Each structure stands twice: as structure tokens, then as C-alpha cells.
Amino acid sequence: MNNKTLGNIFKGDKVIWMIFFFLCIISVVEVFSASSELTYKGGSYLSPLIKHIGILIMGVFCMVVTLNVKCKYFKILTPFMLIISFFTLIWVFVAGQSTNGAQRWISFIGIQFQPSEIAKGTMVLATAQILSALQTDHGADKNAFKYILCVCAIIIPLIGLENLSTAALLSLVILLMMIIGRVPGKQIGKLMGITTLIIVIIFALVMIMGEDKPEGNTKENLTEQLEKKPKEEEGLISRVFHRADTWKSRIDKFMSNKELSPDEVDLDKDAQVAHANIAIASSNVIGKGPGNSVERDFLSQAFSDFIYAIIIEELGIEGATFVAFLYIMLLFRTGRIANRCENNFPALLAMGLALLLVTQALFNMCVAVGLAPVTGQPLPLISKGGTSTMINCIYVGVILSVSRSAKTKPETAETTDNTTV
């Protein structure tokens, strides 16, 4: 009876469930270890851990609810989700709450959330629906490309105003979905050319309009923020490029090939990168063991954006490789599930969400080890978070929902073959 009850709760692909629980266990251990800053501020040793476990439990609940929803009902949600995403992104641009110089949060009936997290899943949902609806024997219809671009033109620029890295990763995921959905190669080639041109223009504008300023809460930065004009007095261009200084600073740091000696490193200006490097270098390959990190006390956002550096410090190269392996396994397992789907929509939806999670995870890891410029991307399902953790759990729930319907395809095909014989 107990096994039956557990089977009714944990439906769907067992490998996906196993990957999810491994990520959750690593998340609890590493967030507890990396939250010394929050412990110091809150005065409670267990408070950050209890809060994080509570969010994970709520995420699992949302995931179980989602996996019990049939895929056909996700299609009905698409227009509503697009409207919600558009208006909440406008809302956060006009009256959002600022975090680290970026307006990414809004509050609704006491709940604080990031509209960009909802918009990411909405874009994958809309792209999957368009590609599946316009599939032919020779691939996607030419009009599918136009419809996808129209939806992207409405949502992605609004995300990019406050979170350029999120907009870039989402664009990459949609491009990969179009390739999987067999959009004509000529259209994709033209898109790549235009995208390259747009990137060059944005890069040029950022480098022209931005000023080199240190990140972080230095005395100079705080003075400048106090002297800044109120938003109402700023022009539209200034508001659109209000993060140009941060973007330029990150690009300059990443592109700088100058080798610095330890005594030349400015821990005020380059604190995150410097302490992340120290954490990785001090791991001594085998790691210091869970809970033994030293750099967590100095590394800003150690429990979020740079948690992978803490994982390397504590668990060593083996632990870091295992974490990366879990994400790759998630992608490949979802690919197998998608391959068994009889219909295009669930297959494209599952692959799109898996790509969304895995590309963000790999990018976060690259940032932590210095292979990509610093951004605000957390490590999905591991970093401490509210909205992002809940939404990511829902994404996994959708993949599990698809796996439930996909399981029957091989059996059906086998039965048909036996009947024919």
C-alpha cells in the first residue's frame, strides 16, 4: 500500500526524479555551508537553511501538482502566460524593486517574484506550440519562424533591459529549439547574421555609453547612487542603458589579458572573481569537505551566483564534475523522453525546458571558474532562491508530465507489430 502511494506521488521518469533529488541534497548541504553571510545578518544559524528547505518543499509540491497535469492543458495556458509575462515585465521596468543596481523584483499580494523567471518558461511554451502547430513532413513551415520572432520581439527586449544575460541565454535556447523543430536552415542562417549585427551594435553602445566603475558597495559607488537623478528626471535612453556601466565593467574585466600578481589584486573592485579563484585554488583537487569552506565568509553571493566555486572548494574536482554530470544527464534523459513522444508539442516543450535549465547551469559554472564574464545567473535547483527555485521545480514537473505520456509509445508500437504479425 505504501509503495502504491509513493508510486502515485512520484510519477514519471525515475531517472529525472533521481537527478532532481541529488541536486536538492547538494543544494541543502551547500546553501547551509555558504550562507554564513545571511547567518551573520539574521543572527540565526539555522534560519537560512530552514527557509531554503521550506522553499524546496513548496517547489516539490508545485512539481507534483504540475506532473499530474496533462500536456494538452499547457497549450491552453500559453496566451494567458504571454499576457501576464508582458505586463509584469512592464511593471518591473516602471516600478520594480532594485537589487544590486537592477530592477528585477515586483511584489504582488505580499509575494515577491522575478517576472523574467516566468517569462522564460512562457517563451519556451509559446515556441514549442508554434513549432508543433506548423510542422510538416519536410520540417517546420516558413511561417513558424516569423511567428516565433514576433513573440520574441515583444518579450525578450523587456527581459534584456534588466537582465541581459537572461535574455541572451533565452535567445540561445529558442534558437536551439528552432533547430530541433526543423526550421529551414536559410531562415536560421539569416537570423544568426542579424543577431550577430545586433550584438555588435549593443556591444558598441554599452562600451560608448558605459563608464568603468568598480562593482560592489564601495564608498564612491554609494556616493554616486545618492547623487543620481531620480528616475522621473531621466531620459528614456538613460533608463534603458542605466546598467551600461556595470556591463562595460564586466566586459573589460573579462577581456583583460593582463596577468596580476596576488598583491596587485584589488579585493574591493574584483572581490567576487578574486575570492572565487581563491576558493577553487584552495580546494587542492580533493576539496576541504562539506561545511569547511573559508571563502564563503568573503565571497559575495556565495549561496547564489558563486555557489559552484564553494562546491569546488568543499567537494573538489570530483564533486564539481558530479554536479555538471547531473545536469548533462538531465538533458540526455529528457532527450530520450522527447524521442519517445508521439506528438511534437510535448517533445519540444520538454527539450526546451531542459535546455533552459542546463544552459543556465553550464553558464553559471563557466562564470565561477572564470570562463565567462560575471552575471547574475544562479545555479538552477542548487542556488538559494525563491522565485527561481519554485519555477525551476515547475519546469521539472512539466518534463515529468511529458515522461508520463511518453512512456506508452514503445509499448503501443510493440503491440501493433505483434497484432500485424
Protein backbone atom coordinates (compact mmCIF):
# COMPACT_ATOMS: atom_id res chain seq x y z
CA MET A 1 0.00 0.00 0.00
CA ASN A 2 2.83 2.36 0.92
CA ASN A 3 4.64 1.57 -2.35
CA LYS A 4 1.42 2.27 -4.24
CA THR A 5 1.01 5.63 -2.50
CA LEU A 6 4.63 6.61 -3.25
CA GLY A 7 4.16 5.48 -6.85
CA ASN A 8 1.11 7.75 -7.19
CA ILE A 9 3.09 10.73 -5.85
CA PHE A 10 6.41 10.18 -7.64
CA LYS A 11 5.02 9.61 -11.12
CA GLY A 12 7.02 9.98 -14.28
CA ASP A 13 10.58 9.12 -15.22
CA LYS A 14 12.51 7.72 -12.23
CA VAL A 15 15.90 8.90 -13.54
CA ILE A 16 14.65 12.52 -13.67
CA TRP A 17 13.41 12.13 -10.10
CA MET A 18 16.78 10.74 -9.03
CA ILE A 19 18.68 13.63 -10.66
CA PHE A 20 16.31 16.12 -9.02
CA PHE A 21 16.79 14.65 -5.54
CA PHE A 22 20.59 14.57 -5.92
CA LEU A 23 20.54 18.27 -6.88
CA CYS A 24 18.29 19.05 -3.89
CA ILE A 25 20.57 17.22 -1.45
CA ILE A 26 23.63 19.07 -2.80
CA SER A 27 21.65 22.31 -2.62
CA VAL A 28 20.71 21.85 1.06
CA VAL A 29 24.28 20.98 2.08
CA GLU A 30 26.00 23.75 0.10
CA VAL A 31 23.46 26.50 0.81
CA PHE A 32 23.76 25.70 4.54
CA SER A 33 27.53 25.92 4.23
CA ALA A 34 27.58 29.05 2.05
CA SER A 35 25.03 31.11 4.00
CA SER A 36 27.41 32.43 6.68
CA GLU A 37 26.72 36.00 5.47
CA LEU A 38 22.95 35.52 5.97
CA THR A 39 23.57 33.81 9.31
CA TYR A 40 25.60 36.81 10.48
CA LYS A 41 22.98 39.32 9.32
CA GLY A 42 19.99 37.40 10.68
CA GLY A 43 21.62 36.24 13.89
CA SER A 44 20.29 32.73 13.41
CA TYR A 45 22.44 29.79 12.39
CA LEU A 46 19.59 27.61 11.10
CA SER A 47 17.24 30.28 9.72
CA PRO A 48 18.66 30.39 6.13
CA LEU A 49 18.66 26.58 5.94
CA ILE A 50 15.10 26.23 7.25
CA LYS A 51 13.87 28.87 4.81
CA HIS A 52 15.65 27.18 1.90
CA ILE A 53 14.27 23.73 2.80
CA GLY A 54 10.80 25.27 3.07
CA ILE A 55 11.12 26.70 -0.46
CA LEU A 56 12.32 23.33 -1.78
CA ILE A 57 9.35 21.56 -0.14
CA MET A 58 6.97 24.08 -1.73
CA GLY A 59 8.81 23.53 -5.03
CA VAL A 60 8.35 19.75 -4.78
CA PHE A 61 4.64 20.30 -4.07
CA CYS A 62 4.32 22.52 -7.18
CA MET A 63 6.26 19.90 -9.17
CA VAL A 64 3.93 17.07 -8.10
CA VAL A 65 0.89 19.18 -8.99
CA THR A 66 2.39 20.06 -12.39
CA LEU A 67 3.35 16.49 -13.34
CA ASN A 68 -0.28 15.46 -12.86
CA VAL A 69 -1.41 17.99 -15.48
CA LYS A 70 -1.77 16.54 -18.98
CA CYS A 71 0.34 18.19 -21.69
CA LYS A 72 -2.66 19.30 -23.73
CA TYR A 73 -3.67 21.68 -20.92
CA PHE A 74 -0.34 23.50 -21.10
CA LYS A 75 -1.36 24.74 -24.56
CA ILE A 76 -4.40 26.48 -23.10
CA LEU A 77 -2.16 28.44 -20.73
CA THR A 78 0.03 29.93 -23.50
CA PRO A 79 -1.95 33.12 -24.36
CA PHE A 80 -2.63 33.88 -20.68
CA MET A 81 1.03 33.39 -19.75
CA LEU A 82 2.15 35.67 -22.59
CA ILE A 83 -0.16 38.45 -21.37
CA ILE A 84 0.96 38.00 -17.74
CA SER A 85 4.64 37.98 -18.76
CA PHE A 86 4.29 41.14 -20.87
CA PHE A 87 2.51 43.20 -18.21
CA THR A 88 4.71 42.05 -15.31
CA LEU A 89 7.86 42.87 -17.31
CA ILE A 90 6.47 46.34 -18.00
CA TRP A 91 5.61 46.62 -14.32
CA VAL A 92 9.12 45.70 -13.16
CA PHE A 93 10.62 48.23 -15.60
CA VAL A 94 8.39 51.05 -14.38
CA ALA A 95 8.12 50.33 -10.66
CA GLY A 96 10.25 47.31 -9.81
CA GLN A 97 12.35 46.84 -6.71
CA SER A 98 16.08 47.28 -7.19
CA THR A 99 18.61 44.59 -6.25
CA ASN A 100 22.35 45.19 -6.87
CA GLY A 101 21.58 48.02 -9.27
CA ALA A 102 18.99 46.08 -11.28
CA GLN A 103 15.20 46.27 -11.10
CA ARG A 104 14.20 42.62 -11.20
CA TRP A 105 11.58 42.21 -8.47
CA ILE A 106 7.94 43.11 -8.04
CA SER A 107 5.59 42.40 -5.15
CA PHE A 108 2.03 41.16 -5.58
CA ILE A 109 -0.24 40.41 -2.58
CA GLY A 110 2.85 40.19 -0.41
CA ILE A 111 4.70 37.78 -2.71
CA GLN A 112 7.98 39.00 -4.23
CA PHE A 113 8.94 37.46 -7.56
CA GLN A 114 11.00 37.96 -10.71
CA PRO A 115 8.85 38.31 -13.86
CA SER A 116 11.81 37.22 -16.03
CA GLU A 117 11.65 33.72 -14.48
CA ILE A 118 8.02 33.33 -15.53
CA ALA A 119 8.69 34.88 -18.96
CA LYS A 120 11.46 32.33 -19.73
CA GLY A 121 9.13 29.35 -19.37
CA THR A 122 6.39 31.21 -21.24
CA MET A 123 8.67 31.78 -24.22
CA VAL A 124 9.63 28.09 -24.33
CA LEU A 125 5.94 27.16 -24.10
CA ALA A 126 4.96 29.53 -26.93
CA THR A 127 7.86 28.42 -29.15
CA ALA A 128 7.01 24.74 -28.65
CA GLN A 129 3.37 25.40 -29.52
CA ILE A 130 4.19 27.37 -32.67
CA LEU A 131 6.71 24.79 -33.92
CA SER A 132 4.40 21.84 -33.25
CA ALA A 133 1.37 23.51 -34.83
CA LEU A 134 3.26 24.32 -38.04
CA GLN A 135 5.16 21.05 -38.53
CA THR A 136 5.03 19.42 -41.98
CA ASP A 137 6.62 16.30 -43.45
CA HIS A 138 9.59 18.43 -44.56
CA GLY A 139 10.08 20.31 -41.30
CA ALA A 140 8.55 23.45 -39.82
CA ASP A 141 6.55 25.73 -42.08
CA LYS A 142 8.27 29.00 -43.02
CA ASN A 143 5.63 30.98 -41.11
CA ALA A 144 6.68 29.35 -37.82
CA PHE A 145 9.90 31.34 -37.91
CA LYS A 146 8.01 34.63 -38.34
CA TYR A 147 5.57 33.91 -35.51
CA ILE A 148 8.38 32.96 -33.12
CA LEU A 149 10.28 36.16 -33.93
CA CYS A 150 7.14 38.24 -33.33
CA VAL A 151 6.69 36.74 -29.85
CA CYS A 152 10.40 37.13 -29.11
CA ALA A 153 10.36 40.79 -30.19
CA ILE A 154 7.69 41.52 -27.57
CA ILE A 155 9.14 39.64 -24.58
CA ILE A 156 12.93 39.26 -24.88
CA PRO A 157 13.86 43.00 -25.14
CA LEU A 158 11.89 43.66 -21.93
CA ILE A 159 13.89 40.94 -20.15
CA GLY A 160 17.14 42.30 -21.58
CA LEU A 161 16.60 45.78 -20.13
CA GLU A 162 17.17 44.47 -16.61
CA ASN A 163 18.89 41.13 -17.16
CA LEU A 164 20.89 40.98 -20.37
CA SER A 165 22.44 37.58 -19.62
CA THR A 166 18.99 36.01 -19.07
CA ALA A 167 17.76 37.44 -22.38
CA ALA A 168 20.87 36.12 -24.18
CA LEU A 169 20.54 32.61 -22.72
CA LEU A 170 16.82 32.52 -23.51
CA SER A 171 17.55 33.57 -27.11
CA LEU A 172 20.08 30.73 -27.38
CA VAL A 173 17.52 28.21 -26.08
CA ILE A 174 14.90 29.39 -28.58
CA LEU A 175 17.46 29.13 -31.39
CA LEU A 176 18.25 25.54 -30.36
CA MET A 177 14.52 24.77 -30.22
CA MET A 178 14.11 26.07 -33.77
CA ILE A 179 16.95 23.82 -34.92
CA ILE A 180 15.37 20.82 -33.16
CA GLY A 181 11.97 21.85 -34.60
CA ARG A 182 13.44 21.72 -38.13
CA VAL A 183 13.05 25.39 -39.03
CA PRO A 184 14.53 25.93 -42.54
CA GLY A 185 18.31 26.39 -42.48
CA LYS A 186 18.17 29.57 -44.61
CA GLN A 187 15.96 31.30 -42.07
CA ILE A 188 18.21 30.28 -39.19
CA GLY A 189 21.27 31.46 -41.14
CA LYS A 190 19.72 34.89 -41.72
CA LEU A 191 18.74 35.08 -38.06
CA MET A 192 22.31 34.29 -36.99
CA GLY A 193 23.63 37.07 -39.24
CA ILE A 194 21.13 39.66 -37.96
CA THR A 195 21.70 38.56 -34.35
CA THR A 196 25.45 39.00 -34.76
CA LEU A 197 24.87 42.52 -36.09
CA ILE A 198 22.54 43.38 -33.17
CA ILE A 199 25.09 42.03 -30.66
CA VAL A 200 27.81 44.19 -32.22
CA ILE A 201 25.57 47.29 -32.05
CA ILE A 202 24.58 46.62 -28.40
CA PHE A 203 28.22 45.95 -27.52
CA ALA A 204 29.26 49.22 -29.14
CA LEU A 205 26.52 51.19 -27.34
CA VAL A 206 27.48 49.66 -23.98
CA MET A 207 31.17 50.47 -24.48
CA ILE A 208 30.35 54.03 -25.62
CA MET A 209 27.71 54.91 -23.01
CA GLY A 210 29.18 52.96 -20.09
CA GLU A 211 31.87 54.15 -17.71
CA ASP A 212 34.43 52.00 -15.93
CA LYS A 213 33.30 51.87 -12.33
CA PRO A 214 34.01 49.31 -9.65
CA GLU A 215 31.20 46.98 -8.70
CA GLY A 216 30.09 46.48 -5.16
CA ASN A 217 29.13 48.86 -2.34
CA THR A 218 32.29 50.94 -2.22
CA LYS A 219 32.12 54.43 -0.74
CA GLU A 220 32.42 56.03 -4.18
CA ASN A 221 29.59 53.91 -5.57
CA LEU A 222 27.27 54.79 -2.71
CA THR A 223 28.01 58.50 -3.16
CA GLU A 224 27.23 58.29 -6.88
CA GLN A 225 23.97 56.46 -6.24
CA LEU A 226 22.88 59.18 -3.78
CA GLU A 227 23.76 61.92 -6.27
CA LYS A 228 21.93 60.20 -9.14
CA LYS A 229 18.90 61.98 -10.56
CA PRO A 230 15.53 60.47 -9.74
CA LYS A 231 14.06 58.20 -12.37
CA GLU A 232 11.37 60.69 -13.33
CA GLU A 233 14.05 63.15 -14.49
CA GLU A 234 16.00 60.63 -16.55
CA GLY A 235 15.50 60.29 -20.28
CA LEU A 236 14.32 57.09 -21.94
CA ILE A 237 17.75 56.23 -23.33
CA SER A 238 19.35 56.72 -19.90
CA ARG A 239 16.80 54.40 -18.33
CA VAL A 240 17.28 51.75 -21.00
CA PHE A 241 21.08 51.82 -20.59
CA HIS A 242 21.17 52.51 -16.85
CA ARG A 243 23.19 49.29 -16.37
CA ALA A 244 25.71 50.11 -19.11
CA ASP A 245 28.39 50.94 -16.50
CA THR A 246 28.04 47.50 -14.90
CA TRP A 247 28.02 45.71 -18.25
CA LYS A 248 31.09 47.60 -19.50
CA SER A 249 32.97 46.95 -16.28
CA ARG A 250 32.28 43.20 -16.51
CA ILE A 251 33.26 43.05 -20.19
CA ASP A 252 36.51 44.96 -19.57
CA LYS A 253 37.45 42.67 -16.68
CA PHE A 254 36.74 39.55 -18.69
CA MET A 255 38.59 40.71 -21.81
CA SER A 256 41.62 41.96 -19.91
CA ASN A 257 44.57 39.65 -20.59
CA LYS A 258 46.81 41.31 -18.03
CA GLU A 259 48.24 38.84 -15.52
CA LEU A 260 48.03 40.23 -12.00
CA SER A 261 50.24 39.18 -9.14
CA PRO A 262 48.45 38.44 -5.83
CA ASP A 263 49.48 41.79 -4.32
CA GLU A 264 48.05 43.68 -7.35
CA VAL A 265 44.53 42.25 -6.99
CA ASP A 266 42.05 44.84 -5.71
CA LEU A 267 39.68 42.93 -3.45
CA ASP A 268 37.30 45.92 -3.33
CA LYS A 269 36.81 46.09 -7.10
CA ASP A 270 37.24 42.41 -8.01
CA ALA A 271 36.08 40.74 -4.81
CA GLN A 272 33.78 38.13 -6.37
CA VAL A 273 36.22 36.93 -9.03
CA ALA A 274 39.22 37.06 -6.69
CA HIS A 275 37.59 35.10 -3.86
CA ALA A 276 36.06 32.60 -6.31
CA ASN A 277 39.55 31.95 -7.69
CA ILE A 278 40.92 31.57 -4.17
CA ALA A 279 38.13 29.10 -3.33
CA ILE A 280 38.91 26.98 -6.39
CA ALA A 281 42.70 27.14 -5.95
CA SER A 282 42.50 26.20 -2.26
CA SER A 283 40.39 23.09 -2.92
CA ASN A 284 43.58 21.07 -3.55
CA VAL A 285 41.67 18.86 -6.05
CA ILE A 286 40.06 16.68 -3.37
CA GLY A 287 38.27 19.53 -1.57
CA LYS A 288 38.09 20.58 2.07
CA GLY A 289 34.92 18.64 2.85
CA PRO A 290 31.31 19.81 3.26
CA GLY A 291 30.98 22.77 5.62
CA ASN A 292 34.70 23.58 5.64
CA SER A 293 34.73 26.44 3.15
CA VAL A 294 36.76 29.51 4.11
CA GLU A 295 35.89 31.79 1.18
CA ARG A 296 32.14 31.67 1.92
CA ASP A 297 32.82 34.35 4.55
CA PHE A 298 34.36 36.70 1.97
CA LEU A 299 32.59 35.81 -1.30
CA SER A 300 29.50 37.91 -2.00
CA GLN A 301 26.53 35.82 -3.16
CA ALA A 302 28.36 32.62 -2.19
CA PHE A 303 24.97 30.96 -1.67
CA SER A 304 23.67 32.04 -5.09
CA ASP A 305 25.67 33.21 -8.12
CA PHE A 306 29.01 31.76 -6.95
CA ILE A 307 27.86 28.63 -5.16
CA TYR A 308 29.71 26.46 -7.72
CA ALA A 309 33.02 27.94 -6.51
CA ILE A 310 32.08 26.85 -2.96
CA ILE A 311 31.16 23.39 -4.27
CA ILE A 312 34.64 23.08 -5.83
CA GLU A 313 36.29 24.33 -2.64
CA GLU A 314 34.44 21.83 -0.45
CA LEU A 315 33.84 18.83 -2.73
CA GLY A 316 36.86 19.15 -5.01
CA ILE A 317 37.07 18.43 -8.72
CA GLU A 318 35.20 15.13 -8.29
CA GLY A 319 32.22 16.83 -6.65
CA ALA A 320 32.16 19.63 -9.21
CA THR A 321 32.31 17.09 -12.06
CA PHE A 322 29.46 15.10 -10.49
CA VAL A 323 27.27 18.23 -10.33
CA ALA A 324 27.98 19.03 -14.01
CA PHE A 325 27.28 15.38 -14.87
CA LEU A 326 23.82 15.60 -13.23
CA TYR A 327 22.82 18.48 -15.50
CA ILE A 328 24.14 16.74 -18.61
CA MET A 329 22.24 13.59 -17.58
CA LEU A 330 19.08 15.69 -17.18
CA LEU A 331 19.45 16.93 -20.76
CA PHE A 332 20.19 13.50 -22.26
CA ARG A 333 17.41 11.79 -20.30
CA THR A 334 14.93 14.45 -21.43
CA GLY A 335 16.15 13.86 -24.99
CA ARG A 336 15.28 10.17 -24.65
CA ILE A 337 11.85 11.05 -23.29
CA ALA A 338 11.26 13.52 -26.14
CA ASN A 339 12.31 10.87 -28.67
CA ARG A 340 9.53 8.58 -27.41
CA CYS A 341 6.79 11.23 -27.69
CA GLU A 342 4.16 10.63 -30.32
CA ASN A 343 3.36 14.33 -30.68
CA ASN A 344 5.70 17.23 -31.38
CA PHE A 345 4.42 19.64 -28.73
CA PRO A 346 5.36 17.68 -25.57
CA ALA A 347 8.71 16.69 -27.10
CA LEU A 348 9.64 20.29 -27.95
CA LEU A 349 8.33 21.60 -24.62
CA ALA A 350 10.36 19.10 -22.58
CA MET A 351 13.53 19.71 -24.59
CA GLY A 352 13.10 23.49 -24.38
CA LEU A 353 12.77 23.44 -20.58
CA ALA A 354 15.71 21.04 -20.19
CA LEU A 355 17.86 23.29 -22.41
CA LEU A 356 16.76 26.29 -20.33
CA LEU A 357 17.95 24.64 -17.09
CA VAL A 358 21.15 23.14 -18.47
CA THR A 359 22.39 26.18 -20.43
CA GLN A 360 21.92 28.37 -17.35
CA ALA A 361 23.72 25.80 -15.18
CA LEU A 362 26.67 25.50 -17.55
CA PHE A 363 26.91 29.28 -17.89
CA ASN A 364 26.89 29.69 -14.10
CA MET A 365 29.73 27.14 -13.84
CA CYS A 366 31.72 28.97 -16.52
CA VAL A 367 31.35 32.24 -14.60
CA ALA A 368 32.50 30.61 -11.36
CA VAL A 369 35.69 29.23 -12.96
CA GLY A 370 36.44 32.41 -14.94
CA LEU A 371 35.45 31.21 -18.43
CA ALA A 372 32.64 33.77 -18.81
CA PRO A 373 32.03 37.35 -17.57
CA VAL A 374 30.27 37.78 -14.22
CA THR A 375 26.47 37.83 -14.44
CA GLY A 376 23.61 37.33 -12.02
CA GLN A 377 22.72 33.80 -13.09
CA PRO A 378 22.12 31.37 -10.18
CA LEU A 379 22.80 27.62 -10.42
CA PRO A 380 19.36 26.06 -11.10
CA LEU A 381 17.96 23.85 -8.32
CA ILE A 382 21.12 24.34 -6.20
CA SER A 383 21.50 28.07 -5.51
CA LYS A 384 19.44 29.63 -2.75
CA GLY A 385 16.44 31.34 -4.25
CA GLY A 386 12.73 32.00 -4.07
CA THR A 387 11.07 32.55 -7.43
CA SER A 388 13.79 30.81 -9.44
CA THR A 389 13.72 27.65 -7.28
CA MET A 390 9.93 27.38 -7.42
CA ILE A 391 9.79 27.98 -11.18
CA ASN A 392 12.63 25.53 -11.86
CA CYS A 393 10.75 22.85 -9.89
CA ILE A 394 7.70 23.52 -12.06
CA TYR A 395 9.87 23.11 -15.17
CA VAL A 396 10.99 19.68 -13.92
CA GLY A 397 7.34 18.89 -13.20
CA VAL A 398 6.45 19.63 -16.83
CA ILE A 399 9.26 17.32 -18.03
CA LEU A 400 7.92 14.58 -15.72
CA SER A 401 4.40 15.17 -17.06
CA VAL A 402 5.74 14.66 -20.59
CA SER A 403 7.58 11.50 -19.48
CA ARG A 404 4.31 10.01 -18.23
CA SER A 405 2.63 10.30 -21.63
CA ALA A 406 5.82 9.35 -23.49
CA LYS A 407 6.16 6.03 -21.67
CA THR A 408 3.32 4.42 -23.59
CA LYS A 409 4.69 4.92 -27.11
CA PRO A 410 7.12 1.94 -27.32
CA GLU A 411 4.54 -0.39 -25.77
CA THR A 412 1.86 0.75 -28.21
CA ALA A 413 4.17 0.29 -31.17
CA GLU A 414 5.20 -3.18 -29.95
CA THR A 415 1.57 -4.27 -29.54
CA THR A 416 0.73 -3.06 -33.03
CA ASP A 417 3.61 -5.04 -34.51
CA ASN A 418 2.53 -8.23 -32.76
CA THR A 419 -1.05 -7.79 -33.92
CA THR A 420 0.08 -7.31 -37.51
CA VAL A 421 2.19 -10.46 -37.39
